Amino acid sequence: MKEVIVHPSPELHTTIHDVPIPEPGPDEIVIKVIVAGSNVKDWLHITAQNISMNSGDDIAGIIYSIGNKVSATHEFAPGDRVAAFHPMLQPHGAYAEYAVAPMHTTFKLPDEISFEEAATLPLVLTTAALSLYCRQHLPPPWSPRSSNSPPIPLIIYGASSSLGTFAIKLARASNIHPIIAIAGFSASHLAPLLDTSKGDALIDYRPGIEAMKVAVKEALKGLECRHALDAISSKGTWIPVSQMLPPSSATATSYLSVVAGSNKYDEEEIQEGVEIVYTMVGSVHTGKYKPTMPKQPNAEEVRNDPEWAYLFFRYFGRMVSDGRLTAHPFEVVEGGLEGVENGLKMLKDGKARWVKFVYRPSPRLLFIYGTLLAKPLLAWALTGDASQTDVVSDLMFPAKVDGYARFSVHNCDYPAVVKHDASSSVSGCLLMLKTTSQRRKLDDFEGEAYLATPVSVTLLEGNEGHNTTVDADMYVWNGEMNAVSSDPWDLDTFVKERLEDWIELFAGMELVGEEDEVTLGGE
C-alpha cells in the first residue's frame, strides 16, 4: 500500500512509500481509508519534535480487517462504514491507503453522511467533548440540562474554528445556553447554529479586547458565566477570556478550557480564581497527560478518558444518524496522497477559513457486475497476470445496486446495465482499488460503450443482518440501446464457455498505467 510520511525539515514536505498493509492488534481495526482529514497539529507536533511520520489521525472509510477481541464483540465487521480517531504520533495513521484505529475510538457511519463529511469529525469533535464534559463537567447530550433549570452560560472563543463550531453543536445538544460565540472573519457562518431565543449571541473580536469584553457582558444580561472554551488557546486569547469569568466561589468553580499553551504565560494576568483546564485529546487513547503539559487535570480523572471515549464515539454515531450532529464544512484537496503536502502547507499558512481539508487517498470505489467478476479476467485487467486471483479477491466485496437491471448485449459476451424500476437490482462486487492507475486500466478496459456513473451500493457482508450502503461508481451502458437484449446475462455461462478465450485473446496485450503500480499485494 501507499503511505505518506510528513517531514518538518528542511521545510515541510511529504514522501510516499510502499509499505505492507498493517495487521490489527486484538483491540484494533484496519480501515481502508476512503477519506482522511487534516488538523493543524499534523504539521505542528512533528515540527515541535522534529520527527517524520504519517501524522494524520482523522479516518473515514470501510473496515478491512479486525482484531480477535473486536470480532468477539460483534459490534464491527469487515465492510462496515466507519469513522475513527487514530492515536496521535503512532504508526499507521490516516495519510495512507489503509490505517489502524482502536475499537473504542471508532464509530459506525449512518448512510446519511458521506466519507468526506465523516472525516471532519473524529479528532476535533472528541476535543470539544472532552473539554465540555470531562474537563468542565457540563451535562452530556444524553442527559441534557432540563428546560426548567437555571441557564448555563458558555463562552466559546474562536467559535468559527472547527473546534469552536463543534463545541457549539455539542452545547446545543446538551441544552447549554446562552452560548456566547466569539469569532471574526467567518462569524457569519455561525448564525444558523445559535438560538437567540435562548440568549445565544455572536460577538466580533476584531474591534479589540476591551470592546469584546463589554459586548460579552452585555450579551450575558447580568448572568454569571463560569464556563468558557478557548479554541485558539494562545496567550493573547486565554488571558482576556479568563478575565470574562468571575472568580470561583465555595459553591461554584469557573472553568476555562484551553487546548494549547505553555507554562511560560504570566500567571498574574489570569483572572484570579479561574481554573484553567488543559484538554489533550490524546488522553482518550493513553489515559494520561505528558508530564510537561501545563495545567493538568486530576490524574485519576484523566485515567477514565478512554472509557468516556468509548461512550462518546457510540453516541456520536447516534447523533449523526438523527441529525443532531452535522459535519464541518470541508474542502477536498486534489491529488490524493500527493495532495497531503499541499494541504498541510495551506494549513500552516492559515488558509483553512471555515473549512477542514480532506483527502481521498485512493480512487473512488467501483461496483463491478459483468465479465470483471471473473477473477482471472479482473486479475489480468489490473496486473497483466490472470493467475493473481488471490490478490484481486482481497479487493472484492459482495454487493448490489438497486434501481438498475443487467441484460445481455446482442452478439456479445459482456452485459449492459441500464437504469430500471425501483424493484430491480444488480448483484456484483464492490471493488476497492488501491491506485488511480488501477482505475485508469479499468476505464480503458470498459471503453466508450460504458459511462462511470455514481450510484449507491449496498454491501452484502451479513454483519448480523445489517447491510452497509456506500457511494461508488458503476459502468452504466452508454452505447446504442437497440444493442441491448431483453435477455438476462449469466456470469457462470460466461466463465464456462468464454472466459478461457478472453484470457488467450488478451495475453500479451499492453496494459494502461504505471508499471510500478501493477503489484496489488500488501507491499
Protein backbone atom coordinates (compact mmCIF):
# COMPACT_ATOMS: atom_id res chain seq x y z
CA MET A 1 0.00 0.00 0.00
CA LYS A 2 0.96 3.67 -0.28
CA GLU A 3 1.69 5.74 2.83
CA VAL A 4 2.62 9.40 3.26
CA ILE A 5 5.44 10.41 5.59
CA VAL A 6 5.37 14.06 6.63
CA HIS A 7 8.76 15.72 7.18
CA PRO A 8 9.12 19.02 9.07
CA SER A 9 12.54 19.96 7.70
CA PRO A 10 14.40 21.43 5.92
CA GLU A 11 10.89 22.67 5.05
CA LEU A 12 7.51 21.00 5.40
CA HIS A 13 7.23 18.27 2.74
CA THR A 14 6.00 14.72 2.22
CA THR A 15 7.25 11.50 0.67
CA ILE A 16 5.17 8.50 -0.39
CA HIS A 17 6.33 4.96 0.38
CA ASP A 18 5.25 1.40 -0.41
CA VAL A 19 4.65 -0.47 2.87
CA PRO A 20 2.74 -3.60 3.92
CA ILE A 21 -0.92 -3.32 4.82
CA PRO A 22 -0.92 -3.29 8.65
CA GLU A 23 -2.27 -6.13 10.74
CA PRO A 24 -4.76 -5.32 13.51
CA GLY A 25 -3.94 -5.87 17.16
CA PRO A 26 -6.56 -7.63 19.32
CA ASP A 27 -8.49 -4.39 20.01
CA GLU A 28 -7.78 -2.72 16.68
CA ILE A 29 -9.48 -2.17 13.34
CA VAL A 30 -7.73 -1.85 9.97
CA ILE A 31 -9.65 0.62 7.80
CA LYS A 32 -9.50 1.07 4.04
CA VAL A 33 -9.16 4.86 4.03
CA ILE A 34 -11.67 6.46 1.70
CA VAL A 35 -11.13 9.99 3.05
CA ALA A 36 -8.55 11.37 5.50
CA GLY A 37 -8.88 14.68 7.35
CA SER A 38 -6.22 17.20 8.34
CA ASN A 39 -5.65 19.12 11.56
CA VAL A 40 -3.15 21.86 12.43
CA LYS A 41 -1.34 19.52 14.79
CA ASP A 42 -0.49 17.28 11.81
CA TRP A 43 2.35 19.66 10.93
CA LEU A 44 2.73 21.43 14.29
CA HIS A 45 3.52 18.44 16.52
CA ILE A 46 6.09 16.87 14.22
CA THR A 47 7.73 20.27 13.75
CA ALA A 48 7.98 20.80 17.51
CA GLN A 49 9.54 17.36 17.97
CA ASN A 50 11.47 17.35 14.66
CA ILE A 51 10.22 13.91 13.70
CA SER A 52 8.96 12.49 10.40
CA MET A 53 5.90 10.25 10.31
CA ASN A 54 2.40 9.65 8.98
CA SER A 55 0.78 12.29 11.17
CA GLY A 56 -2.86 12.06 10.02
CA ASP A 57 -5.43 10.99 12.61
CA ASP A 58 -8.91 11.59 11.12
CA ILE A 59 -10.08 8.47 9.26
CA ALA A 60 -13.25 7.73 7.31
CA GLY A 61 -13.53 4.51 5.34
CA ILE A 62 -14.53 0.86 5.23
CA ILE A 63 -13.35 -1.80 7.63
CA TYR A 64 -10.80 -4.11 6.01
CA SER A 65 -9.95 -6.39 8.95
CA ILE A 66 -10.48 -6.59 12.72
CA GLY A 67 -8.65 -7.96 15.75
CA ASN A 68 -9.90 -11.00 17.63
CA LYS A 69 -11.27 -9.02 20.57
CA VAL A 70 -13.12 -6.72 18.17
CA SER A 71 -14.60 -9.76 16.46
CA ALA A 72 -15.78 -11.14 19.79
CA THR A 73 -17.91 -8.04 20.45
CA HIS A 74 -19.89 -8.46 17.19
CA GLU A 75 -20.01 -4.64 17.00
CA PHE A 76 -17.86 -4.24 13.88
CA ALA A 77 -17.29 -6.36 10.79
CA PRO A 78 -15.38 -6.03 7.50
CA GLY A 79 -17.35 -3.87 5.10
CA ASP A 80 -18.76 -1.52 7.74
CA ARG A 81 -18.61 2.23 7.01
CA VAL A 82 -16.80 3.88 9.91
CA ALA A 83 -15.02 6.99 11.13
CA ALA A 84 -12.17 6.75 13.61
CA PHE A 85 -9.63 8.71 15.62
CA HIS A 86 -6.12 7.30 15.20
CA PRO A 87 -3.73 7.61 18.20
CA MET A 88 -1.53 10.66 17.70
CA LEU A 89 2.16 10.17 16.87
CA GLN A 90 1.69 6.41 16.50
CA PRO A 91 2.23 4.21 13.39
CA HIS A 92 -0.38 3.54 10.70
CA GLY A 93 -2.02 6.96 10.56
CA ALA A 94 -4.69 8.35 8.24
CA TYR A 95 -2.43 9.50 5.38
CA ALA A 96 -2.33 6.09 3.73
CA GLU A 97 -4.47 3.67 1.79
CA TYR A 98 -5.04 1.66 4.97
CA ALA A 99 -4.92 2.89 8.58
CA VAL A 100 -5.35 1.46 12.07
CA ALA A 101 -7.58 2.70 14.90
CA PRO A 102 -8.59 1.31 18.29
CA MET A 103 -12.09 -0.10 18.54
CA HIS A 104 -13.08 2.35 21.28
CA THR A 105 -12.40 5.44 19.12
CA THR A 106 -14.23 4.10 16.07
CA PHE A 107 -17.91 4.52 15.29
CA LYS A 108 -20.21 3.30 12.54
CA LEU A 109 -21.40 5.80 9.99
CA PRO A 110 -25.07 6.04 9.08
CA ASP A 111 -25.87 6.12 5.38
CA GLU A 112 -26.88 9.78 5.68
CA ILE A 113 -23.28 11.02 5.99
CA SER A 114 -20.58 10.94 3.32
CA PHE A 115 -16.99 9.89 3.94
CA GLU A 116 -15.86 13.46 3.27
CA GLU A 117 -18.20 14.76 5.97
CA ALA A 118 -17.21 11.99 8.38
CA ALA A 119 -13.50 12.80 8.05
CA THR A 120 -14.14 16.22 9.62
CA LEU A 121 -15.43 14.70 12.85
CA PRO A 122 -13.19 12.43 14.97
CA LEU A 123 -10.29 14.42 16.48
CA VAL A 124 -11.88 17.86 16.82
CA LEU A 125 -15.26 16.55 17.93
CA THR A 126 -13.53 14.45 20.60
CA THR A 127 -11.54 17.50 21.75
CA ALA A 128 -14.74 19.52 22.12
CA ALA A 129 -16.47 16.70 24.01
CA LEU A 130 -13.55 16.23 26.41
CA SER A 131 -13.32 19.97 27.04
CA LEU A 132 -17.00 20.40 27.86
CA TYR A 133 -17.93 17.14 29.55
CA CYS A 134 -14.77 15.72 31.13
CA ARG A 135 -12.79 18.84 31.99
CA GLN A 136 -15.72 21.16 32.81
CA HIS A 137 -18.28 18.55 33.93
CA LEU A 138 -21.13 20.03 31.90
CA PRO A 139 -24.23 17.88 31.26
CA PRO A 140 -23.65 15.48 28.33
CA PRO A 141 -26.08 15.27 25.40
CA TRP A 142 -27.59 12.01 26.63
CA SER A 143 -28.55 13.81 29.88
CA PRO A 144 -29.10 17.43 28.83
CA ARG A 145 -29.98 20.36 31.08
CA SER A 146 -33.72 20.39 31.72
CA SER A 147 -35.59 23.33 30.30
CA ASN A 148 -36.84 24.49 33.71
CA SER A 149 -33.38 24.51 35.32
CA PRO A 150 -31.18 27.64 35.53
CA PRO A 151 -29.30 28.60 32.35
CA ILE A 152 -25.68 27.58 31.93
CA PRO A 153 -23.87 30.35 30.03
CA LEU A 154 -20.90 29.25 27.91
CA ILE A 155 -18.32 31.48 26.21
CA ILE A 156 -16.60 30.00 23.14
CA TYR A 157 -13.67 31.97 21.75
CA GLY A 158 -12.59 31.07 18.21
CA ALA A 159 -16.14 29.87 17.60
CA SER A 160 -15.77 29.70 13.81
CA SER A 161 -12.86 27.25 14.04
CA SER A 162 -13.75 23.58 13.67
CA LEU A 163 -13.22 23.07 17.42
CA GLY A 164 -15.36 26.08 18.31
CA THR A 165 -18.10 25.07 15.89
CA PHE A 166 -18.30 21.52 17.23
CA ALA A 167 -18.37 22.89 20.77
CA ILE A 168 -21.42 24.96 19.81
CA LYS A 169 -23.11 21.91 18.29
CA LEU A 170 -22.45 19.78 21.38
CA ALA A 171 -23.56 22.56 23.73
CA ARG A 172 -26.84 22.85 21.82
CA ALA A 173 -27.35 19.09 22.10
CA SER A 174 -26.83 19.40 25.86
CA ASN A 175 -29.25 22.38 26.06
CA ILE A 176 -26.44 24.61 27.33
CA HIS A 177 -27.46 28.24 26.83
CA PRO A 178 -26.80 31.08 26.40
CA ILE A 179 -23.86 30.39 24.08
CA ILE A 180 -21.67 33.47 23.62
CA ALA A 181 -19.78 32.76 20.38
CA ILE A 182 -16.75 34.98 19.75
CA ALA A 183 -15.41 34.99 16.20
CA GLY A 184 -14.18 37.24 13.43
CA PHE A 185 -13.71 36.65 9.71
CA SER A 186 -16.06 33.66 9.43
CA ALA A 187 -18.58 34.74 12.04
CA SER A 188 -21.49 34.94 9.59
CA HIS A 189 -21.42 31.16 9.16
CA LEU A 190 -22.26 30.67 12.84
CA ALA A 191 -25.60 32.46 12.93
CA PRO A 192 -27.67 29.36 11.94
CA LEU A 193 -26.12 27.42 14.84
CA LEU A 194 -27.15 29.92 17.51
CA ASP A 195 -30.57 30.25 19.15
CA THR A 196 -31.17 33.89 20.03
CA SER A 197 -34.43 32.97 21.76
CA LYS A 198 -32.29 31.25 24.41
CA GLY A 199 -29.88 34.15 24.71
CA ASP A 200 -27.20 32.96 22.29
CA ALA A 201 -25.14 35.80 20.86
CA LEU A 202 -22.40 36.32 18.28
CA ILE A 203 -19.55 38.67 19.30
CA ASP A 204 -16.90 40.06 16.92
CA TYR A 205 -13.43 40.18 18.49
CA ARG A 206 -11.98 42.48 15.81
CA PRO A 207 -12.93 45.83 17.44
CA GLY A 208 -10.44 44.97 20.23
CA ILE A 209 -10.19 43.25 23.60
CA GLU A 210 -11.94 45.85 25.73
CA ALA A 211 -14.81 46.23 23.25
CA MET A 212 -15.11 42.45 23.15
CA LYS A 213 -15.33 42.25 26.96
CA VAL A 214 -18.06 44.88 27.02
CA ALA A 215 -20.03 43.10 24.28
CA VAL A 216 -19.81 39.79 26.15
CA LYS A 217 -21.01 41.39 29.38
CA GLU A 218 -23.96 42.95 27.60
CA ALA A 219 -24.84 39.64 25.90
CA LEU A 220 -24.88 37.83 29.27
CA LYS A 221 -27.57 40.24 30.54
CA GLY A 222 -26.44 40.01 34.14
CA LEU A 223 -25.80 36.24 34.18
CA GLU A 224 -22.55 34.95 35.62
CA CYS A 225 -20.63 32.79 33.12
CA ARG A 226 -18.47 30.14 34.75
CA HIS A 227 -17.66 28.11 31.65
CA ALA A 228 -15.51 29.07 28.67
CA LEU A 229 -13.62 27.28 25.92
CA ASP A 230 -10.75 28.95 24.09
CA ALA A 231 -10.46 27.16 20.73
CA ILE A 232 -7.44 29.27 19.74
CA SER A 233 -5.55 28.97 23.04
CA SER A 234 -2.71 31.43 22.80
CA LYS A 235 -1.54 33.86 25.46
CA GLY A 236 -3.30 36.62 23.57
CA THR A 237 -6.65 34.82 23.84
CA TRP A 238 -6.91 32.80 27.04
CA ILE A 239 -5.87 35.72 29.25
CA PRO A 240 -8.69 38.05 28.11
CA VAL A 241 -11.16 35.15 28.02
CA SER A 242 -10.27 34.26 31.61
CA GLN A 243 -10.99 37.88 32.58
CA MET A 244 -14.59 37.48 31.38
CA LEU A 245 -15.27 34.88 34.11
CA PRO A 246 -15.95 35.59 37.79
CA PRO A 247 -13.66 34.11 40.45
CA SER A 248 -14.55 30.66 41.73
CA SER A 249 -16.55 30.56 44.95
CA ALA A 250 -17.18 27.99 47.64
CA THR A 251 -20.17 26.72 45.68
CA ALA A 252 -19.15 27.22 42.04
CA THR A 253 -15.96 26.85 40.02
CA SER A 254 -15.11 28.95 36.98
CA TYR A 255 -13.51 26.90 34.22
CA LEU A 256 -11.61 27.92 31.10
CA SER A 257 -10.74 25.04 28.76
CA VAL A 258 -7.63 25.51 26.63
CA VAL A 259 -6.14 23.15 24.06
CA ALA A 260 -2.64 24.56 23.62
CA GLY A 261 -0.24 26.75 25.52
CA SER A 262 2.86 26.89 27.65
CA ASN A 263 3.92 27.10 31.28
CA LYS A 264 5.55 30.42 30.38
CA TYR A 265 2.41 32.57 30.38
CA ASP A 266 2.14 35.22 33.10
CA GLU A 267 0.08 33.70 35.92
CA GLU A 268 -0.65 37.16 37.33
CA GLU A 269 -2.59 38.11 34.21
CA ILE A 270 -5.05 35.22 34.57
CA GLN A 271 -8.24 36.19 36.34
CA GLU A 272 -7.87 35.16 39.97
CA GLY A 273 -10.00 32.19 40.90
CA VAL A 274 -10.43 30.90 37.33
CA GLU A 275 -9.38 27.29 36.89
CA ILE A 276 -7.51 26.74 33.61
CA VAL A 277 -8.12 23.18 32.40
CA TYR A 278 -5.99 21.84 29.57
CA THR A 279 -7.52 19.37 27.11
CA MET A 280 -5.05 16.98 25.48
CA VAL A 281 -7.20 14.87 23.18
CA GLY A 282 -4.65 12.05 23.06
CA SER A 283 -5.72 11.14 26.59
CA VAL A 284 -8.63 9.18 25.09
CA HIS A 285 -6.01 6.67 23.97
CA THR A 286 -3.42 6.88 26.74
CA GLY A 287 -5.47 7.75 29.83
CA LYS A 288 -2.80 10.23 30.92
CA TYR A 289 -1.09 13.51 30.08
CA LYS A 290 2.56 14.10 29.39
CA PRO A 291 4.40 15.43 32.48
CA THR A 292 5.48 18.59 30.62
CA MET A 293 1.95 19.72 29.76
CA PRO A 294 0.57 22.80 31.52
CA LYS A 295 -2.44 22.97 33.80
CA GLN A 296 -3.01 19.24 34.11
CA PRO A 297 -6.33 17.91 35.39
CA ASN A 298 -6.55 15.31 38.10
CA ALA A 299 -4.66 12.17 37.02
CA GLU A 300 -7.42 9.88 38.24
CA GLU A 301 -9.98 11.82 36.20
CA VAL A 302 -7.86 11.57 33.04
CA ARG A 303 -7.40 7.86 33.55
CA ASN A 304 -11.07 7.42 32.70
CA ASP A 305 -10.86 9.32 29.40
CA PRO A 306 -10.65 6.11 27.30
CA GLU A 307 -13.87 4.93 28.96
CA TRP A 308 -15.55 8.25 28.18
CA ALA A 309 -14.31 7.96 24.61
CA TYR A 310 -15.99 4.57 24.26
CA LEU A 311 -19.29 6.23 25.21
CA PHE A 312 -18.66 9.36 23.14
CA PHE A 313 -17.96 7.51 19.92
CA ARG A 314 -21.02 5.35 20.08
CA TYR A 315 -23.16 8.36 20.88
CA PHE A 316 -21.53 10.38 18.09
CA GLY A 317 -22.88 7.85 15.61
CA ARG A 318 -26.34 8.14 17.13
CA MET A 319 -26.27 11.96 16.97
CA VAL A 320 -25.14 11.95 13.34
CA SER A 321 -27.87 9.48 12.44
CA ASP A 322 -30.69 11.51 13.99
CA GLY A 323 -29.40 14.84 12.67
CA ARG A 324 -28.37 16.43 15.97
CA LEU A 325 -24.74 16.46 14.87
CA THR A 326 -23.58 17.62 11.44
CA ALA A 327 -20.15 17.70 9.85
CA HIS A 328 -17.91 20.74 9.46
CA PRO A 329 -17.67 22.35 6.02
CA PHE A 330 -14.82 20.74 4.08
CA GLU A 331 -12.65 21.24 1.03
CA VAL A 332 -11.27 18.25 -0.88
CA VAL A 333 -7.59 18.82 -1.62
CA GLU A 334 -6.94 17.30 -5.03
CA GLY A 335 -4.12 14.88 -5.77
CA GLY A 336 -4.91 12.05 -3.36
CA LEU A 337 -1.97 11.24 -1.12
CA GLU A 338 0.23 13.55 -3.17
CA GLY A 339 -2.10 16.39 -2.18
CA VAL A 340 -1.37 15.99 1.55
CA GLU A 341 1.75 18.16 1.28
CA ASN A 342 -0.18 21.00 -0.29
CA GLY A 343 -2.97 20.72 2.27
CA LEU A 344 -0.61 20.82 5.25
CA LYS A 345 1.23 23.81 3.80
CA MET A 346 -2.08 25.63 3.38
CA LEU A 347 -2.96 24.78 6.99
CA LYS A 348 0.40 26.12 8.14
CA ASP A 349 -0.19 29.31 6.18
CA GLY A 350 -3.61 29.80 7.80
CA LYS A 351 -5.60 29.27 4.60
CA ALA A 352 -8.25 26.96 6.07
CA ARG A 353 -11.02 29.53 6.54
CA TRP A 354 -14.20 27.89 7.88
CA VAL A 355 -13.28 24.57 6.26
CA LYS A 356 -11.42 21.40 7.08
CA PHE A 357 -9.11 19.98 4.42
CA VAL A 358 -9.77 16.36 3.46
CA TYR A 359 -8.07 13.97 1.04
CA ARG A 360 -9.06 10.88 -0.91
CA PRO A 361 -6.05 8.52 -0.69
CA SER A 362 -7.49 6.05 -3.18
CA PRO A 363 -9.64 6.23 -6.30
CA ARG A 364 -13.39 6.12 -5.85
CA LEU A 365 -14.93 2.79 -5.00
CA LEU A 366 -16.14 0.86 -8.04
CA PHE A 367 -19.05 -1.56 -8.41
CA ILE A 368 -18.48 -4.34 -10.96
CA TYR A 369 -21.20 -6.65 -12.26
CA GLY A 370 -20.15 -8.30 -15.53
CA THR A 371 -17.12 -10.03 -17.04
CA LEU A 372 -14.80 -8.47 -14.46
CA LEU A 373 -16.45 -10.62 -11.81
CA ALA A 374 -14.44 -13.46 -13.35
CA LYS A 375 -11.36 -13.18 -11.14
CA PRO A 376 -8.80 -14.29 -13.74
CA LEU A 377 -10.05 -11.57 -16.09
CA LEU A 378 -10.01 -8.94 -13.34
CA ALA A 379 -6.50 -10.02 -12.37
CA TRP A 380 -5.36 -9.64 -15.96
CA ALA A 381 -7.04 -6.23 -16.32
CA LEU A 382 -5.25 -4.92 -13.22
CA THR A 383 -1.89 -6.72 -13.32
CA GLY A 384 -1.45 -8.34 -16.72
CA ASP A 385 -1.31 -11.73 -14.97
CA ALA A 386 -4.52 -13.80 -14.90
CA SER A 387 -3.11 -16.08 -12.21
CA GLN A 388 -3.21 -13.40 -9.48
CA THR A 389 -6.76 -14.29 -8.47
CA ASP A 390 -5.97 -14.49 -4.73
CA VAL A 391 -4.72 -10.93 -4.83
CA VAL A 392 -7.79 -9.46 -6.52
CA SER A 393 -10.09 -11.48 -4.24
CA ASP A 394 -8.93 -9.26 -1.37
CA LEU A 395 -10.29 -6.23 -3.23
CA MET A 396 -13.79 -7.62 -3.85
CA PHE A 397 -16.81 -7.42 -1.54
CA PRO A 398 -20.25 -8.86 -2.46
CA ALA A 399 -22.73 -6.06 -3.09
CA LYS A 400 -25.75 -4.94 -5.09
CA VAL A 401 -27.14 -1.79 -6.72
CA ASP A 402 -30.88 -1.13 -6.69
CA GLY A 403 -32.80 0.62 -9.43
CA TYR A 404 -30.77 -0.88 -12.30
CA ALA A 405 -31.05 -4.05 -14.39
CA ARG A 406 -28.46 -6.18 -16.21
CA PHE A 407 -29.10 -7.52 -19.71
CA SER A 408 -27.16 -9.29 -22.43
CA VAL A 409 -25.82 -7.31 -25.40
CA HIS A 410 -26.69 -8.74 -28.83
CA ASN A 411 -23.88 -10.89 -30.27
CA CYS A 412 -21.53 -10.02 -27.36
CA ASP A 413 -20.16 -11.86 -24.33
CA TYR A 414 -20.48 -8.89 -21.97
CA PRO A 415 -23.59 -7.38 -20.37
CA ALA A 416 -25.12 -3.93 -20.20
CA VAL A 417 -26.52 -2.32 -17.06
CA VAL A 418 -29.25 0.29 -17.53
CA LYS A 419 -31.48 2.36 -15.28
CA HIS A 420 -34.63 0.40 -14.40
CA ASP A 421 -37.53 0.41 -11.98
CA ALA A 422 -37.01 0.63 -8.21
CA SER A 423 -37.73 -3.07 -7.69
CA SER A 424 -34.80 -4.11 -9.89
CA SER A 425 -31.29 -4.73 -8.63
CA VAL A 426 -27.93 -5.82 -9.98
CA SER A 427 -25.70 -8.15 -7.98
CA GLY A 428 -21.92 -7.90 -8.16
CA CYS A 429 -18.95 -6.79 -6.07
CA LEU A 430 -17.67 -3.55 -4.62
CA LEU A 431 -14.09 -3.18 -5.80
CA MET A 432 -11.69 -1.30 -3.51
CA LEU A 433 -8.99 -0.19 -5.91
CA LYS A 434 -5.68 0.97 -4.47
CA THR A 435 -4.34 3.38 -7.07
CA THR A 436 -5.52 5.78 -9.73
CA SER A 437 -3.52 3.73 -12.22
CA GLN A 438 -5.72 0.72 -11.50
CA ARG A 439 -8.81 2.82 -12.13
CA ARG A 440 -7.39 4.03 -15.45
CA LYS A 441 -6.81 0.43 -16.50
CA LEU A 442 -10.42 -0.50 -15.87
CA ASP A 443 -11.71 2.66 -17.56
CA ASP A 444 -9.65 1.69 -20.61
CA PHE A 445 -10.84 -1.93 -20.40
CA GLU A 446 -14.52 -0.89 -20.42
CA GLY A 447 -14.14 1.62 -23.24
CA GLU A 448 -16.54 4.28 -24.52
CA ALA A 449 -19.56 1.96 -24.51
CA TYR A 450 -19.78 2.45 -20.74
CA LEU A 451 -20.02 5.58 -18.60
CA ALA A 452 -18.77 5.62 -14.99
CA THR A 453 -21.84 6.74 -13.05
CA PRO A 454 -22.19 7.48 -9.28
CA VAL A 455 -24.52 5.01 -7.58
CA SER A 456 -25.46 3.88 -4.09
CA VAL A 457 -24.05 0.40 -3.41
CA THR A 458 -25.29 -1.96 -0.69
CA LEU A 459 -22.66 -4.29 0.75
CA LEU A 460 -23.89 -7.83 1.45
CA GLU A 461 -21.46 -8.98 4.14
CA GLY A 462 -24.04 -10.31 6.56
CA ASN A 463 -22.95 -8.22 9.55
CA GLU A 464 -25.60 -9.63 11.86
CA GLY A 465 -28.26 -8.86 9.28
CA HIS A 466 -27.12 -5.30 8.64
CA ASN A 467 -26.20 -4.17 5.14
CA THR A 468 -23.96 -1.13 4.66
CA THR A 469 -24.56 1.42 1.89
CA VAL A 470 -21.67 3.31 0.26
CA ASP A 471 -21.18 5.65 -2.68
CA ALA A 472 -19.31 4.24 -5.69
CA ASP A 473 -19.09 4.38 -9.48
CA MET A 474 -20.61 1.80 -11.81
CA TYR A 475 -20.05 1.38 -15.55
CA VAL A 476 -23.51 2.06 -16.99
CA TRP A 477 -24.28 1.25 -20.65
CA ASN A 478 -23.53 4.25 -22.86
CA GLY A 479 -23.95 2.57 -26.25
CA GLU A 480 -26.90 2.20 -28.59
CA MET A 481 -29.96 0.95 -26.71
CA ASN A 482 -31.04 -1.23 -29.63
CA ALA A 483 -27.92 -3.29 -29.00
CA VAL A 484 -29.25 -4.30 -25.58
CA SER A 485 -31.17 -7.57 -25.45
CA SER A 486 -34.09 -8.27 -23.15
CA ASP A 487 -32.34 -11.50 -22.09
CA PRO A 488 -30.53 -11.63 -18.73
CA TRP A 489 -26.75 -12.11 -18.62
CA ASP A 490 -25.24 -15.02 -16.70
CA LEU A 491 -21.73 -15.00 -15.21
CA ASP A 492 -21.47 -18.78 -14.88
CA THR A 493 -22.19 -19.22 -18.57
CA PHE A 494 -19.51 -16.67 -19.48
CA VAL A 495 -16.94 -18.36 -17.23
CA LYS A 496 -17.67 -21.86 -18.57
CA GLU A 497 -17.94 -21.01 -22.26
CA ARG A 498 -15.96 -17.85 -22.98
CA LEU A 499 -13.51 -16.85 -20.22
CA GLU A 500 -10.62 -19.01 -21.49
CA ASP A 501 -10.94 -17.48 -24.95
CA TRP A 502 -10.88 -13.98 -23.48
CA ILE A 503 -7.73 -14.68 -21.46
CA GLU A 504 -6.00 -16.07 -24.55
CA LEU A 505 -7.13 -13.05 -26.57
CA PHE A 506 -5.69 -10.56 -24.07
CA ALA A 507 -2.43 -12.43 -23.43
CA GLY A 508 0.48 -10.22 -24.39
CA MET A 509 -1.56 -7.04 -24.75
CA GLU A 510 -0.12 -3.90 -23.18
CA LEU A 511 -1.79 -2.53 -20.06
CA VAL A 512 -2.53 1.14 -19.47
CA GLY A 513 -0.97 2.52 -16.28
CA GLU A 514 2.29 2.84 -14.44
CA GLU A 515 4.42 -0.27 -14.23
CA ASP A 516 5.31 0.28 -10.57
CA GLU A 517 1.63 0.04 -9.61
CA VAL A 518 0.67 -3.30 -11.06
CA THR A 519 1.50 -5.25 -7.87
CA LEU A 520 -1.61 -5.47 -5.71
CA GLY A 521 -0.24 -7.36 -2.74
CA GLY A 522 0.35 -5.97 0.72
CA GLU A 523 3.50 -4.10 -0.19
